[in-house]
Amino acid sequence: MSPEAIFRTHLVFGYVAWLLCFAAYIWPRLRSMDHVEAHRAIATLHSFRFFGLVFILPGYVGPHLPTGFASFAAYWDFVTGILAMLALLAVRIRPLFWLSVVAFNVVGIIDLVVDYAQAVSIDLPSIAGELGAAYVIPVIYVPVLMITHVTAFYLLFRQLRVARLVAGGASA
């Protein structure tokens, strides 16, 4: 099997495995939690995104990993992690908490979407070996990050919809 096929297989199965895990264990728990607690759980996972800085750590990734891809992924991951930590620290100051939740999810999903677009443009699967030890990030860690960003937005929009319905019912 070619390196490209292995990378693509790993990526697909990373999503499949996380979706199965998410559906069986994580989503039922998040759905039953208070909104703040659900977003805190998601923020806790994303607070580890400081680890993305390994994309620019010499010797950890190969020397031929395109700098534009590596730098963007590293710094946007880092910022997402900081914003997630801010959300965790601001949980008692609800306006700041919600602002931080929205911010880390917006920045984080932009990071992942741009990373995917750049990965396609540089044909990352053909140079997947250049990821070095960071190979596990896109195939194991990124799928759960994307799934939880989508979940966070779903929960946020559901919360807004319920609030509008309640507000509409109260004014009637």
Foldseek 3Di string as FASTA:
>chain_A
DALLVVLVVLQVVLLVVLVVCCVVPVVVVLVPDDLLVSLLVLLVLLLPLCVLLLLVPPPQFAPPPDPVLSVLLNVLSNVLNVLSVQLNVCSVVVVSNVVSSVVSLVSQVVSLVVSVVVCVVVVCSNVLCRNHVVSCCSRNPVSNNNVSSVVNVVSVVVVVVVVVVVVVVVVD
